[in-house]
């Protein structure tokens, strides 16, 4: 999802990032998956660092 936002294009050729201004990440894996919120936040932070740097 982050790479699509960074690199993707809409059917008319405009970059996805020009139209998508917010991305919600509601505690991925913290429900049924049992991932702790702290580990989830660390992983999301690492993914953002990887994609945005």
PDB file of N, CA and C in Angstrom:
ATOM      1  N   UNK A   1       0.812  -1.151   0.000  1.00  0.00           N
ATOM      2  CA  UNK A   1       0.000   0.000   0.000  1.00  0.00           C
ATOM      3  C   UNK A   1       0.879   1.247   0.000  1.00  0.00           C
ATOM      4  N   UNK A   2       1.927   1.249   0.785  1.00  0.00           N
ATOM      5  CA  UNK A   2       2.818   2.414   0.820  1.00  0.00           C
ATOM      6  C   UNK A   2       3.570   2.575  -0.501  1.00  0.00           C
ATOM      7  N   UNK A   3       4.004   1.471  -1.083  1.00  0.00           N
ATOM      8  CA  UNK A   3       4.684   1.559  -2.381  1.00  0.00           C
ATOM      9  C   UNK A   3       3.729   1.996  -3.476  1.00  0.00           C
ATOM     10  N   UNK A   4       2.471   1.552  -3.402  1.00  0.00           N
ATOM     11  CA  UNK A   4       1.477   2.003  -4.372  1.00  0.00           C
ATOM     12  C   UNK A   4       1.274   3.508  -4.244  1.00  0.00           C
ATOM     13  N   UNK A   5       1.184   4.003  -3.019  1.00  0.00           N
ATOM     14  CA  UNK A   5       1.037   5.441  -2.813  1.00  0.00           C
ATOM     15  C   UNK A   5       2.251   6.191  -3.379  1.00  0.00           C
ATOM     16  N   UNK A   6       3.441   5.655  -3.122  1.00  0.00           N
ATOM     17  CA  UNK A   6       4.670   6.328  -3.566  1.00  0.00           C
ATOM     18  C   UNK A   6       4.880   6.245  -5.079  1.00  0.00           C
ATOM     19  N   UNK A   7       4.628   5.062  -5.651  1.00  0.00           N
ATOM     20  CA  UNK A   7       5.019   4.813  -7.042  1.00  0.00           C
ATOM     21  C   UNK A   7       3.864   4.664  -8.026  1.00  0.00           C
ATOM     22  N   UNK A   8       2.644   4.467  -7.520  1.00  0.00           N
ATOM     23  CA  UNK A   8       1.519   4.123  -8.379  1.00  0.00           C
ATOM     24  C   UNK A   8       0.972   5.291  -9.176  1.00  0.00           C
ATOM     25  N   UNK A   9       0.243   4.922 -10.223  1.00  0.00           N
ATOM     26  CA  UNK A   9      -0.398   5.923 -11.076  1.00  0.00           C
ATOM     27  C   UNK A   9      -1.869   5.557 -11.258  1.00  0.00           C
ATOM     28  N   UNK A  10      -2.691   6.578 -11.338  1.00  0.00           N
ATOM     29  CA  UNK A  10      -4.107   6.406 -11.623  1.00  0.00           C
ATOM     30  C   UNK A  10      -4.279   6.114 -13.110  1.00  0.00           C
ATOM     31  N   UNK A  11      -5.451   5.622 -13.531  1.00  0.00           N
ATOM     32  CA  UNK A  11      -5.643   5.300 -14.957  1.00  0.00           C
ATOM     33  C   UNK A  11      -5.336   6.458 -15.912  1.00  0.00           C
ATOM     34  N   UNK A  12      -5.505   7.681 -15.433  1.00  0.00           N
ATOM     35  CA  UNK A  12      -5.211   8.820 -16.320  1.00  0.00           C
ATOM     36  C   UNK A  12      -3.749   9.261 -16.267  1.00  0.00           C
ATOM     37  N   UNK A  13      -2.926   8.507 -15.518  1.00  0.00           N
ATOM     38  CA  UNK A  13      -1.496   8.786 -15.473  1.00  0.00           C
ATOM     39  C   UNK A  13      -1.027   9.636 -14.312  1.00  0.00           C
ATOM     40  N   UNK A  14      -1.955  10.267 -13.583  1.00  0.00           N
ATOM     41  CA  UNK A  14      -1.557  11.079 -12.420  1.00  0.00           C
ATOM     42  C   UNK A  14      -1.041  10.174 -11.310  1.00  0.00           C
ATOM     43  N   UNK A  15      -0.040  10.627 -10.574  1.00  0.00           N
ATOM     44  CA  UNK A  15       0.462   9.833  -9.447  1.00  0.00           C
ATOM     45  C   UNK A  15      -0.607   9.666  -8.368  1.00  0.00           C
ATOM     46  N   UNK A  16      -0.672   8.485  -7.780  1.00  0.00           N
ATOM     47  CA  UNK A  16      -1.626   8.212  -6.701  1.00  0.00           C
ATOM     48  C   UNK A  16      -1.430   9.216  -5.571  1.00  0.00           C
ATOM     49  N   UNK A  17      -0.189   9.534  -5.241  1.00  0.00           N
ATOM     50  CA  UNK A  17       0.092  10.424  -4.103  1.00  0.00           C
ATOM     51  C   UNK A  17      -0.486  11.823  -4.291  1.00  0.00           C
ATOM     52  N   UNK A  18      -0.806  12.205  -5.542  1.00  0.00           N
ATOM     53  CA  UNK A  18      -1.414  13.513  -5.764  1.00  0.00           C
ATOM     54  C   UNK A  18      -2.869  13.566  -5.291  1.00  0.00           C
ATOM     55  N   UNK A  19      -3.561  12.420  -5.300  1.00  0.00           N
ATOM     56  CA  UNK A  19      -4.963  12.380  -4.882  1.00  0.00           C
ATOM     57  C   UNK A  19      -5.158  11.807  -3.483  1.00  0.00           C
ATOM     58  N   UNK A  20      -4.304  10.900  -3.058  1.00  0.00           N
ATOM     59  CA  UNK A  20      -4.453  10.262  -1.739  1.00  0.00           C
ATOM     60  C   UNK A  20      -3.654  11.075  -0.731  1.00  0.00           C
ATOM     61  N   UNK A  21      -4.361  11.704   0.189  1.00  0.00           N
ATOM     62  CA  UNK A  21      -3.723  12.576   1.176  1.00  0.00           C
ATOM     63  C   UNK A  21      -3.596  11.937   2.550  1.00  0.00           C
ATOM     64  N   UNK A  22      -4.395  10.907   2.831  1.00  0.00           N
ATOM     65  CA  UNK A  22      -4.339  10.236   4.138  1.00  0.00           C
ATOM     66  C   UNK A  22      -4.430   8.739   3.940  1.00  0.00           C
ATOM     67  N   UNK A  23      -3.691   8.007   4.779  1.00  0.00           N
ATOM     68  CA  UNK A  23      -3.740   6.548   4.784  1.00  0.00           C
ATOM     69  C   UNK A  23      -3.952   6.113   6.231  1.00  0.00           C
ATOM     70  N   UNK A  24      -4.999   5.345   6.470  1.00  0.00           N
ATOM     71  CA  UNK A  24      -5.291   4.853   7.824  1.00  0.00           C
ATOM     72  C   UNK A  24      -4.703   3.459   7.997  1.00  0.00           C
ATOM     73  N   UNK A  25      -4.041   3.243   9.104  1.00  0.00           N
ATOM     74  CA  UNK A  25      -3.467   1.934   9.446  1.00  0.00           C
ATOM     75  C   UNK A  25      -3.986   1.549  10.838  1.00  0.00           C
ATOM     76  N   UNK A  26      -5.177   0.975  10.913  1.00  0.00           N
ATOM     77  CA  UNK A  26      -5.819   0.723  12.203  1.00  0.00           C
ATOM     78  C   UNK A  26      -5.279  -0.500  12.949  1.00  0.00           C
ATOM     79  N   UNK A  27      -4.113  -0.369  13.540  1.00  0.00           N
ATOM     80  CA  UNK A  27      -3.572  -1.440  14.381  1.00  0.00           C
ATOM     81  C   UNK A  27      -3.435  -2.774  13.675  1.00  0.00           C
ATOM     82  N   UNK A  28      -2.802  -2.786  12.517  1.00  0.00           N
ATOM     83  CA  UNK A  28      -2.680  -4.000  11.715  1.00  0.00           C
ATOM     84  C   UNK A  28      -2.136  -5.177  12.523  1.00  0.00           C
ATOM     85  N   UNK A  29      -2.895  -6.250  12.609  1.00  0.00           N
ATOM     86  CA  UNK A  29      -2.461  -7.468  13.291  1.00  0.00           C
ATOM     87  C   UNK A  29      -2.673  -7.482  14.784  1.00  0.00           C
ATOM     88  N   UNK A  30      -3.198  -6.413  15.348  1.00  0.00           N
ATOM     89  CA  UNK A  30      -3.308  -6.351  16.812  1.00  0.00           C
ATOM     90  C   UNK A  30      -4.577  -6.999  17.352  1.00  0.00           C
ATOM     91  N   UNK A  31      -5.508  -7.323  16.517  1.00  0.00           N
ATOM     92  CA  UNK A  31      -6.741  -7.966  16.976  1.00  0.00           C
ATOM     93  C   UNK A  31      -6.551  -9.465  17.069  1.00  0.00           C
ATOM     94  N   UNK A  32      -7.132 -10.178  16.139  1.00  0.00           N
ATOM     95  CA  UNK A  32      -7.060 -11.637  16.103  1.00  0.00           C
ATOM     96  C   UNK A  32      -5.608 -12.103  15.973  1.00  0.00           C
ATOM     97  N   UNK A  33      -4.783 -11.317  15.284  1.00  0.00           N
ATOM     98  CA  UNK A  33      -3.382 -11.697  15.094  1.00  0.00           C
ATOM     99  C   UNK A  33      -2.563 -11.701  16.364  1.00  0.00           C
ATOM    100  N   UNK A  34      -3.013 -10.971  17.381  1.00  0.00           N
ATOM    101  CA  UNK A  34      -2.341 -10.982  18.673  1.00  0.00           C
ATOM    102  C   UNK A  34      -1.061 -10.167  18.751  1.00  0.00           C
ATOM    103  N   UNK A  35      -0.775  -9.359  17.744  1.00  0.00           N
ATOM    104  CA  UNK A  35       0.421  -8.530  17.762  1.00  0.00           C
ATOM    105  C   UNK A  35       0.235  -7.402  18.771  1.00  0.00           C
ATOM    106  N   UNK A  36       1.264  -7.128  19.540  1.00  0.00           N
ATOM    107  CA  UNK A  36       1.132  -6.045  20.524  1.00  0.00           C
ATOM    108  C   UNK A  36       1.111  -4.699  19.800  1.00  0.00           C
ATOM    109  N   UNK A  37       0.379  -3.736  20.339  1.00  0.00           N
ATOM    110  CA  UNK A  37       0.339  -2.408  19.714  1.00  0.00           C
ATOM    111  C   UNK A  37       1.721  -1.773  19.578  1.00  0.00           C
ATOM    112  N   UNK A  38       2.601  -2.023  20.515  1.00  0.00           N
ATOM    113  CA  UNK A  38       3.951  -1.450  20.453  1.00  0.00           C
ATOM    114  C   UNK A  38       4.720  -2.019  19.265  1.00  0.00           C
ATOM    115  N   UNK A  39       4.661  -3.335  19.093  1.00  0.00           N
ATOM    116  CA  UNK A  39       5.358  -3.966  17.970  1.00  0.00           C
ATOM    117  C   UNK A  39       4.732  -3.512  16.653  1.00  0.00           C
ATOM    118  N   UNK A  40       3.416  -3.401  16.620  1.00  0.00           N
ATOM    119  CA  UNK A  40       2.729  -2.912  15.423  1.00  0.00           C
ATOM    120  C   UNK A  40       3.238  -1.520  15.058  1.00  0.00           C
ATOM    121  N   UNK A  41       3.290  -0.630  16.030  1.00  0.00           N
ATOM    122  CA  UNK A  41       3.754   0.733  15.781  1.00  0.00           C
ATOM    123  C   UNK A  41       5.205   0.747  15.298  1.00  0.00           C
ATOM    124  N   UNK A  42       6.035  -0.100  15.869  1.00  0.00           N
ATOM    125  CA  UNK A  42       7.438  -0.174  15.437  1.00  0.00           C
ATOM    126  C   UNK A  42       7.531  -0.648  13.990  1.00  0.00           C
ATOM    127  N   UNK A  43       6.734  -1.638  13.627  1.00  0.00           N
ATOM    128  CA  UNK A  43       6.768  -2.175  12.270  1.00  0.00           C
ATOM    129  C   UNK A  43       6.235  -1.157  11.258  1.00  0.00           C
ATOM    130  N   UNK A  44       5.179  -0.453  11.608  1.00  0.00           N
ATOM    131  CA  UNK A  44       4.645   0.581  10.723  1.00  0.00           C
ATOM    132  C   UNK A  44       5.681   1.691  10.554  1.00  0.00           C
ATOM    133  N   UNK A  45       6.333   2.067  11.648  1.00  0.00           N
ATOM    134  CA  UNK A  45       7.385   3.085  11.566  1.00  0.00           C
ATOM    135  C   UNK A  45       8.534   2.643  10.676  1.00  0.00           C
ATOM    136  N   UNK A  46       8.933   1.377  10.805  1.00  0.00           N
ATOM    137  CA  UNK A  46      10.008   0.847   9.961  1.00  0.00           C
ATOM    138  C   UNK A  46       9.592   0.844   8.488  1.00  0.00           C
ATOM    139  N   UNK A  47       8.338   0.474   8.220  1.00  0.00           N
ATOM    140  CA  UNK A  47       7.856   0.473   6.838  1.00  0.00           C
ATOM    141  C   UNK A  47       7.834   1.889   6.263  1.00  0.00           C
ATOM    142  N   UNK A  48       7.372   2.841   7.060  1.00  0.00           N
ATOM    143  CA  UNK A  48       7.372   4.232   6.593  1.00  0.00           C
ATOM    144  C   UNK A  48       8.790   4.726   6.322  1.00  0.00           C
ATOM    145  N   UNK A  49       9.721   4.418   7.224  1.00  0.00           N
ATOM    146  CA  UNK A  49      11.116   4.796   7.003  1.00  0.00           C
ATOM    147  C   UNK A  49      11.654   4.211   5.720  1.00  0.00           C
ATOM    148  N   UNK A  50      11.343   2.931   5.486  1.00  0.00           N
ATOM    149  CA  UNK A  50      11.834   2.233   4.297  1.00  0.00           C
ATOM    150  C   UNK A  50      11.277   2.847   3.017  1.00  0.00           C
ATOM    151  N   UNK A  51       9.989   3.120   2.999  1.00  0.00           N
ATOM    152  CA  UNK A  51       9.346   3.608   1.784  1.00  0.00           C
ATOM    153  C   UNK A  51       9.636   5.091   1.542  1.00  0.00           C
ATOM    154  N   UNK A  52       9.693   5.875   2.596  1.00  0.00           N
ATOM    155  CA  UNK A  52       9.817   7.315   2.429  1.00  0.00           C
ATOM    156  C   UNK A  52      11.258   7.824   2.420  1.00  0.00           C
ATOM    157  N   UNK A  53      12.230   6.952   2.677  1.00  0.00           N
ATOM    158  CA  UNK A  53      13.605   7.432   2.658  1.00  0.00           C
ATOM    159  C   UNK A  53      14.314   7.051   1.381  1.00  0.00           C
TER     160      UNK A  53
END
